[in-house]
């Protein structure tokens, strides 16, 4: 059985440079919950086709770059 896919699903999370690990853990758990909801509703999340982006000031991005080089989204590690 083939599952239909959804397009343009977005998850946003606010991250403080002092608390990156907690925020990324929250993102991981949210993405797994979304994937589970998709499956329950006969949809499919293609985590390997997902993207992650960091937004912030130059100083914030430099700080976050040292702490997080990848993010886990629904079981798929994204750079």
PDB file of N, CA and C in Angstrom:
ATOM      1  N   UNK A   1       0.842  -1.178   0.000  1.00  0.00           N
ATOM      2  CA  UNK A   1       0.000   0.000   0.000  1.00  0.00           C
ATOM      3  C   UNK A   1       0.885   1.238   0.000  1.00  0.00           C
ATOM      4  N   UNK A   2       0.646   2.127  -0.915  1.00  0.00           N
ATOM      5  CA  UNK A   2       1.412   3.378  -0.992  1.00  0.00           C
ATOM      6  C   UNK A   2       0.719   4.457  -0.175  1.00  0.00           C
ATOM      7  N   UNK A   3       1.504   5.222   0.570  1.00  0.00           N
ATOM      8  CA  UNK A   3       0.965   6.307   1.364  1.00  0.00           C
ATOM      9  C   UNK A   3       1.089   7.615   0.597  1.00  0.00           C
ATOM     10  N   UNK A   4       0.042   8.447   0.593  1.00  0.00           N
ATOM     11  CA  UNK A   4       0.207   9.781   0.010  1.00  0.00           C
ATOM     12  C   UNK A   4       1.131  10.598   0.908  1.00  0.00           C
ATOM     13  N   UNK A   5       1.791  11.568   0.339  1.00  0.00           N
ATOM     14  CA  UNK A   5       2.680  12.429   1.117  1.00  0.00           C
ATOM     15  C   UNK A   5       2.079  13.822   1.213  1.00  0.00           C
ATOM     16  N   UNK A   6       2.552  14.579   2.179  1.00  0.00           N
ATOM     17  CA  UNK A   6       2.125  15.969   2.313  1.00  0.00           C
ATOM     18  C   UNK A   6       3.299  16.870   1.964  1.00  0.00           C
ATOM     19  N   UNK A   7       2.997  18.022   1.465  1.00  0.00           N
ATOM     20  CA  UNK A   7       4.039  18.980   1.106  1.00  0.00           C
ATOM     21  C   UNK A   7       4.000  20.165   2.060  1.00  0.00           C
ATOM     22  N   UNK A   8       5.151  20.759   2.272  1.00  0.00           N
ATOM     23  CA  UNK A   8       5.264  22.026   2.993  1.00  0.00           C
ATOM     24  C   UNK A   8       4.853  21.960   4.458  1.00  0.00           C
ATOM     25  N   UNK A   9       5.091  20.850   5.123  1.00  0.00           N
ATOM     26  CA  UNK A   9       4.882  20.786   6.561  1.00  0.00           C
ATOM     27  C   UNK A   9       6.098  21.420   7.223  1.00  0.00           C
ATOM     28  N   UNK A  10       5.868  22.334   8.157  1.00  0.00           N
ATOM     29  CA  UNK A  10       6.973  23.052   8.783  1.00  0.00           C
ATOM     30  C   UNK A  10       6.872  22.972  10.293  1.00  0.00           C
ATOM     31  N   UNK A  11       8.010  22.773  10.935  1.00  0.00           N
ATOM     32  CA  UNK A  11       8.124  22.825  12.390  1.00  0.00           C
ATOM     33  C   UNK A  11       9.085  23.955  12.726  1.00  0.00           C
ATOM     34  N   UNK A  12       8.679  24.801  13.640  1.00  0.00           N
ATOM     35  CA  UNK A  12       9.529  25.904  14.094  1.00  0.00           C
ATOM     36  C   UNK A  12       9.839  25.693  15.567  1.00  0.00           C
ATOM     37  N   UNK A  13      11.062  26.002  15.949  1.00  0.00           N
ATOM     38  CA  UNK A  13      11.431  25.887  17.352  1.00  0.00           C
ATOM     39  C   UNK A  13      12.396  27.019  17.694  1.00  0.00           C
ATOM     40  N   UNK A  14      12.157  27.633  18.832  1.00  0.00           N
ATOM     41  CA  UNK A  14      13.027  28.702  19.319  1.00  0.00           C
ATOM     42  C   UNK A  14      14.153  28.072  20.129  1.00  0.00           C
ATOM     43  N   UNK A  15      15.379  28.514  19.869  1.00  0.00           N
ATOM     44  CA  UNK A  15      16.543  27.933  20.537  1.00  0.00           C
ATOM     45  C   UNK A  15      17.367  29.046  21.164  1.00  0.00           C
ATOM     46  N   UNK A  16      17.679  28.896  22.439  1.00  0.00           N
ATOM     47  CA  UNK A  16      18.599  29.813  23.109  1.00  0.00           C
ATOM     48  C   UNK A  16      19.978  29.169  23.101  1.00  0.00           C
ATOM     49  N   UNK A  17      21.003  29.961  22.840  1.00  0.00           N
ATOM     50  CA  UNK A  17      22.353  29.405  22.726  1.00  0.00           C
ATOM     51  C   UNK A  17      22.788  28.679  23.997  1.00  0.00           C
ATOM     52  N   UNK A  18      22.224  29.029  25.125  1.00  0.00           N
ATOM     53  CA  UNK A  18      22.578  28.366  26.382  1.00  0.00           C
ATOM     54  C   UNK A  18      21.814  27.065  26.589  1.00  0.00           C
ATOM     55  N   UNK A  19      20.834  26.776  25.715  1.00  0.00           N
ATOM     56  CA  UNK A  19      19.965  25.621  25.916  1.00  0.00           C
ATOM     57  C   UNK A  19      19.713  24.866  24.614  1.00  0.00           C
ATOM     58  N   UNK A  20      20.724  24.739  23.766  1.00  0.00           N
ATOM     59  CA  UNK A  20      20.560  24.125  22.446  1.00  0.00           C
ATOM     60  C   UNK A  20      20.158  22.662  22.544  1.00  0.00           C
ATOM     61  N   UNK A  21      20.800  21.901  23.419  1.00  0.00           N
ATOM     62  CA  UNK A  21      20.516  20.471  23.516  1.00  0.00           C
ATOM     63  C   UNK A  21      19.062  20.194  23.876  1.00  0.00           C
ATOM     64  N   UNK A  22      18.508  20.943  24.807  1.00  0.00           N
ATOM     65  CA  UNK A  22      17.108  20.761  25.205  1.00  0.00           C
ATOM     66  C   UNK A  22      16.179  21.081  24.039  1.00  0.00           C
ATOM     67  N   UNK A  23      16.463  22.169  23.328  1.00  0.00           N
ATOM     68  CA  UNK A  23      15.616  22.566  22.200  1.00  0.00           C
ATOM     69  C   UNK A  23      15.679  21.543  21.069  1.00  0.00           C
ATOM     70  N   UNK A  24      16.869  21.044  20.756  1.00  0.00           N
ATOM     71  CA  UNK A  24      16.984  20.041  19.697  1.00  0.00           C
ATOM     72  C   UNK A  24      16.310  18.737  20.084  1.00  0.00           C
ATOM     73  N   UNK A  25      16.363  18.393  21.350  1.00  0.00           N
ATOM     74  CA  UNK A  25      15.657  17.209  21.843  1.00  0.00           C
ATOM     75  C   UNK A  25      14.150  17.389  21.675  1.00  0.00           C
ATOM     76  N   UNK A  26      13.654  18.588  21.962  1.00  0.00           N
ATOM     77  CA  UNK A  26      12.229  18.887  21.780  1.00  0.00           C
ATOM     78  C   UNK A  26      11.846  18.776  20.311  1.00  0.00           C
ATOM     79  N   UNK A  27      12.693  19.281  19.420  1.00  0.00           N
ATOM     80  CA  UNK A  27      12.437  19.183  17.981  1.00  0.00           C
ATOM     81  C   UNK A  27      12.385  17.728  17.534  1.00  0.00           C
ATOM     82  N   UNK A  28      13.303  16.914  18.033  1.00  0.00           N
ATOM     83  CA  UNK A  28      13.313  15.489  17.697  1.00  0.00           C
ATOM     84  C   UNK A  28      12.009  14.832  18.117  1.00  0.00           C
ATOM     85  N   UNK A  29      11.576  15.081  19.347  1.00  0.00           N
ATOM     86  CA  UNK A  29      10.336  14.475  19.841  1.00  0.00           C
ATOM     87  C   UNK A  29       9.118  14.972  19.061  1.00  0.00           C
ATOM     88  N   UNK A  30       9.093  16.253  18.715  1.00  0.00           N
ATOM     89  CA  UNK A  30       7.974  16.795  17.924  1.00  0.00           C
ATOM     90  C   UNK A  30       7.925  16.165  16.543  1.00  0.00           C
ATOM     91  N   UNK A  31       9.085  16.009  15.906  1.00  0.00           N
ATOM     92  CA  UNK A  31       9.094  15.433  14.560  1.00  0.00           C
ATOM     93  C   UNK A  31       8.660  13.972  14.575  1.00  0.00           C
ATOM     94  N   UNK A  32       9.026  13.234  15.618  1.00  0.00           N
ATOM     95  CA  UNK A  32       8.577  11.846  15.744  1.00  0.00           C
ATOM     96  C   UNK A  32       7.062  11.804  15.955  1.00  0.00           C
ATOM     97  N   UNK A  33       6.535  12.734  16.747  1.00  0.00           N
ATOM     98  CA  UNK A  33       5.080  12.795  16.964  1.00  0.00           C
ATOM     99  C   UNK A  33       4.342  13.134  15.670  1.00  0.00           C
ATOM    100  N   UNK A  34       4.897  14.048  14.875  1.00  0.00           N
ATOM    101  CA  UNK A  34       4.289  14.400  13.587  1.00  0.00           C
ATOM    102  C   UNK A  34       4.306  13.198  12.658  1.00  0.00           C
ATOM    103  N   UNK A  35       5.452  12.491  12.604  1.00  0.00           N
ATOM    104  CA  UNK A  35       5.543  11.303  11.749  1.00  0.00           C
ATOM    105  C   UNK A  35       4.508  10.263  12.175  1.00  0.00           C
ATOM    106  N   UNK A  36       4.351  10.065  13.461  1.00  0.00           N
ATOM    107  CA  UNK A  36       3.370   9.110  13.985  1.00  0.00           C
ATOM    108  C   UNK A  36       1.945   9.538  13.593  1.00  0.00           C
ATOM    109  N   UNK A  37       1.639  10.826  13.732  1.00  0.00           N
ATOM    110  CA  UNK A  37       0.317  11.327  13.348  1.00  0.00           C
ATOM    111  C   UNK A  37       0.069  11.105  11.861  1.00  0.00           C
ATOM    112  N   UNK A  38       1.095  11.375  11.047  1.00  0.00           N
ATOM    113  CA  UNK A  38       0.968  11.138   9.607  1.00  0.00           C
ATOM    114  C   UNK A  38       0.605   9.684   9.341  1.00  0.00           C
ATOM    115  N   UNK A  39       1.335   8.763   9.968  1.00  0.00           N
ATOM    116  CA  UNK A  39       1.069   7.339   9.750  1.00  0.00           C
ATOM    117  C   UNK A  39      -0.343   6.951  10.168  1.00  0.00           C
ATOM    118  N   UNK A  40      -0.802   7.497  11.288  1.00  0.00           N
ATOM    119  CA  UNK A  40      -2.170   7.209  11.742  1.00  0.00           C
ATOM    120  C   UNK A  40      -3.227   7.722  10.768  1.00  0.00           C
ATOM    121  N   UNK A  41      -2.865   8.709   9.977  1.00  0.00           N
ATOM    122  CA  UNK A  41      -3.798   9.314   9.025  1.00  0.00           C
ATOM    123  C   UNK A  41      -3.453   8.966   7.575  1.00  0.00           C
ATOM    124  N   UNK A  42      -2.765   7.828   7.406  1.00  0.00           N
ATOM    125  CA  UNK A  42      -2.392   7.313   6.081  1.00  0.00           C
ATOM    126  C   UNK A  42      -1.601   8.311   5.243  1.00  0.00           C
ATOM    127  N   UNK A  43      -0.698   9.035   5.908  1.00  0.00           N
ATOM    128  CA  UNK A  43       0.215   9.962   5.237  1.00  0.00           C
ATOM    129  C   UNK A  43       1.639   9.514   5.527  1.00  0.00           C
ATOM    130  N   UNK A  44       2.585  10.059   4.810  1.00  0.00           N
ATOM    131  CA  UNK A  44       3.967   9.676   5.018  1.00  0.00           C
ATOM    132  C   UNK A  44       4.853  10.912   5.114  1.00  0.00           C
ATOM    133  N   UNK A  45       5.715  10.924   6.111  1.00  0.00           N
ATOM    134  CA  UNK A  45       6.712  11.976   6.256  1.00  0.00           C
ATOM    135  C   UNK A  45       8.025  11.441   5.703  1.00  0.00           C
ATOM    136  N   UNK A  46       8.560  12.072   4.681  1.00  0.00           N
ATOM    137  CA  UNK A  46       9.838  11.680   4.099  1.00  0.00           C
ATOM    138  C   UNK A  46      10.939  12.488   4.778  1.00  0.00           C
ATOM    139  N   UNK A  47      11.385  12.001   5.929  1.00  0.00           N
ATOM    140  CA  UNK A  47      12.383  12.735   6.704  1.00  0.00           C
ATOM    141  C   UNK A  47      13.675  12.922   5.914  1.00  0.00           C
ATOM    142  N   UNK A  48      14.023  11.968   5.055  1.00  0.00           N
ATOM    143  CA  UNK A  48      15.255  12.099   4.284  1.00  0.00           C
ATOM    144  C   UNK A  48      15.167  13.184   3.208  1.00  0.00           C
ATOM    145  N   UNK A  49      13.973  13.699   2.952  1.00  0.00           N
ATOM    146  CA  UNK A  49      13.797  14.809   2.014  1.00  0.00           C
ATOM    147  C   UNK A  49      13.586  16.133   2.756  1.00  0.00           C
ATOM    148  N   UNK A  50      13.716  16.092   4.069  1.00  0.00           N
ATOM    149  CA  UNK A  50      13.496  17.279   4.896  1.00  0.00           C
ATOM    150  C   UNK A  50      14.741  18.155   4.927  1.00  0.00           C
ATOM    151  N   UNK A  51      14.549  19.396   5.330  1.00  0.00           N
ATOM    152  CA  UNK A  51      15.638  20.358   5.474  1.00  0.00           C
ATOM    153  C   UNK A  51      15.559  21.009   6.839  1.00  0.00           C
ATOM    154  N   UNK A  52      16.700  21.453   7.325  1.00  0.00           N
ATOM    155  CA  UNK A  52      16.764  22.209   8.575  1.00  0.00           C
ATOM    156  C   UNK A  52      17.507  23.502   8.296  1.00  0.00           C
ATOM    157  N   UNK A  53      17.066  24.568   8.921  1.00  0.00           N
ATOM    158  CA  UNK A  53      17.722  25.869   8.746  1.00  0.00           C
ATOM    159  C   UNK A  53      17.811  26.564  10.101  1.00  0.00           C
ATOM    160  N   UNK A  54      18.941  27.215  10.336  1.00  0.00           N
ATOM    161  CA  UNK A  54      19.126  28.016  11.551  1.00  0.00           C
ATOM    162  C   UNK A  54      19.014  29.481  11.157  1.00  0.00           C
ATOM    163  N   UNK A  55      18.252  30.225  11.909  1.00  0.00           N
ATOM    164  CA  UNK A  55      18.100  31.665  11.695  1.00  0.00           C
ATOM    165  C   UNK A  55      18.507  32.400  12.954  1.00  0.00           C
ATOM    166  N   UNK A  56      19.192  33.510  12.802  1.00  0.00           N
ATOM    167  CA  UNK A  56      19.585  34.304  13.955  1.00  0.00           C
ATOM    168  C   UNK A  56      20.592  35.363  13.552  1.00  0.00           C
ATOM    169  N   UNK A  57      21.054  36.094  14.539  1.00  0.00           N
ATOM    170  CA  UNK A  57      22.090  37.091  14.284  1.00  0.00           C
ATOM    171  C   UNK A  57      23.411  36.365  14.019  1.00  0.00           C
ATOM    172  N   UNK A  58      24.390  37.084  13.529  1.00  0.00           N
ATOM    173  CA  UNK A  58      25.694  36.484  13.282  1.00  0.00           C
ATOM    174  C   UNK A  58      26.281  35.845  14.536  1.00  0.00           C
ATOM    175  N   UNK A  59      26.189  36.540  15.651  1.00  0.00           N
ATOM    176  CA  UNK A  59      26.725  36.014  16.910  1.00  0.00           C
ATOM    177  C   UNK A  59      25.961  34.768  17.357  1.00  0.00           C
ATOM    178  N   UNK A  60      24.644  34.785  17.216  1.00  0.00           N
ATOM    179  CA  UNK A  60      23.836  33.623  17.594  1.00  0.00           C
ATOM    180  C   UNK A  60      24.189  32.411  16.735  1.00  0.00           C
ATOM    181  N   UNK A  61      24.337  32.624  15.439  1.00  0.00           N
ATOM    182  CA  UNK A  61      24.643  31.511  14.534  1.00  0.00           C
ATOM    183  C   UNK A  61      26.036  30.949  14.793  1.00  0.00           C
ATOM    184  N   UNK A  62      27.002  31.801  15.096  1.00  0.00           N
ATOM    185  CA  UNK A  62      28.346  31.312  15.420  1.00  0.00           C
ATOM    186  C   UNK A  62      28.312  30.474  16.688  1.00  0.00           C
ATOM    187  N   UNK A  63      27.557  30.902  17.673  1.00  0.00           N
ATOM    188  CA  UNK A  63      27.433  30.162  18.925  1.00  0.00           C
ATOM    189  C   UNK A  63      26.744  28.823  18.695  1.00  0.00           C
ATOM    190  N   UNK A  64      25.670  28.811  17.937  1.00  0.00           N
ATOM    191  CA  UNK A  64      24.918  27.587  17.676  1.00  0.00           C
ATOM    192  C   UNK A  64      25.691  26.631  16.780  1.00  0.00           C
ATOM    193  N   UNK A  65      26.533  27.143  15.887  1.00  0.00           N
ATOM    194  CA  UNK A  65      27.288  26.299  14.964  1.00  0.00           C
ATOM    195  C   UNK A  65      28.242  25.374  15.724  1.00  0.00           C
ATOM    196  N   UNK A  66      28.785  25.858  16.822  1.00  0.00           N
ATOM    197  CA  UNK A  66      29.700  25.051  17.610  1.00  0.00           C
ATOM    198  C   UNK A  66      28.954  23.929  18.317  1.00  0.00           C
ATOM    199  N   UNK A  67      27.722  24.173  18.714  1.00  0.00           N
ATOM    200  CA  UNK A  67      26.972  23.222  19.516  1.00  0.00           C
ATOM    201  C   UNK A  67      26.147  22.224  18.716  1.00  0.00           C
ATOM    202  N   UNK A  68      25.724  22.566  17.503  1.00  0.00           N
ATOM    203  CA  UNK A  68      24.838  21.678  16.763  1.00  0.00           C
ATOM    204  C   UNK A  68      25.186  21.671  15.277  1.00  0.00           C
ATOM    205  N   UNK A  69      25.758  20.570  14.825  1.00  0.00           N
ATOM    206  CA  UNK A  69      26.089  20.447  13.416  1.00  0.00           C
ATOM    207  C   UNK A  69      25.031  19.677  12.639  1.00  0.00           C
ATOM    208  N   UNK A  70      24.143  18.995  13.348  1.00  0.00           N
ATOM    209  CA  UNK A  70      23.066  18.270  12.696  1.00  0.00           C
ATOM    210  C   UNK A  70      21.861  18.227  13.642  1.00  0.00           C
ATOM    211  N   UNK A  71      20.731  17.868  13.061  1.00  0.00           N
ATOM    212  CA  UNK A  71      19.498  17.752  13.839  1.00  0.00           C
ATOM    213  C   UNK A  71      18.795  16.472  13.425  1.00  0.00           C
ATOM    214  N   UNK A  72      18.200  15.769  14.393  1.00  0.00           N
ATOM    215  CA  UNK A  72      17.490  14.532  14.120  1.00  0.00           C
ATOM    216  C   UNK A  72      16.020  14.840  13.888  1.00  0.00           C
ATOM    217  N   UNK A  73      15.537  14.554  12.692  1.00  0.00           N
ATOM    218  CA  UNK A  73      14.131  14.783  12.344  1.00  0.00           C
ATOM    219  C   UNK A  73      13.505  13.448  11.974  1.00  0.00           C
ATOM    220  N   UNK A  74      12.593  12.990  12.819  1.00  0.00           N
ATOM    221  CA  UNK A  74      11.848  11.754  12.601  1.00  0.00           C
ATOM    222  C   UNK A  74      12.772  10.579  12.263  1.00  0.00           C
ATOM    223  N   UNK A  75      13.884  10.484  12.968  1.00  0.00           N
ATOM    224  CA  UNK A  75      14.796   9.371  12.782  1.00  0.00           C
ATOM    225  C   UNK A  75      15.834   9.549  11.691  1.00  0.00           C
ATOM    226  N   UNK A  76      15.885  10.708  11.080  1.00  0.00           N
ATOM    227  CA  UNK A  76      16.845  11.001  10.004  1.00  0.00           C
ATOM    228  C   UNK A  76      17.728  12.181  10.443  1.00  0.00           C
ATOM    229  N   UNK A  77      19.033  12.003  10.386  1.00  0.00           N
ATOM    230  CA  UNK A  77      19.943  13.077  10.774  1.00  0.00           C
ATOM    231  C   UNK A  77      20.144  14.031   9.609  1.00  0.00           C
ATOM    232  N   UNK A  78      19.835  15.308   9.837  1.00  0.00           N
ATOM    233  CA  UNK A  78      19.960  16.340   8.809  1.00  0.00           C
ATOM    234  C   UNK A  78      21.087  17.288   9.176  1.00  0.00           C
ATOM    235  N   UNK A  79      21.927  17.651   8.180  1.00  0.00           N
ATOM    236  CA  UNK A  79      23.001  18.611   8.466  1.00  0.00           C
ATOM    237  C   UNK A  79      22.451  20.006   8.711  1.00  0.00           C
TER     238      UNK A  79
END
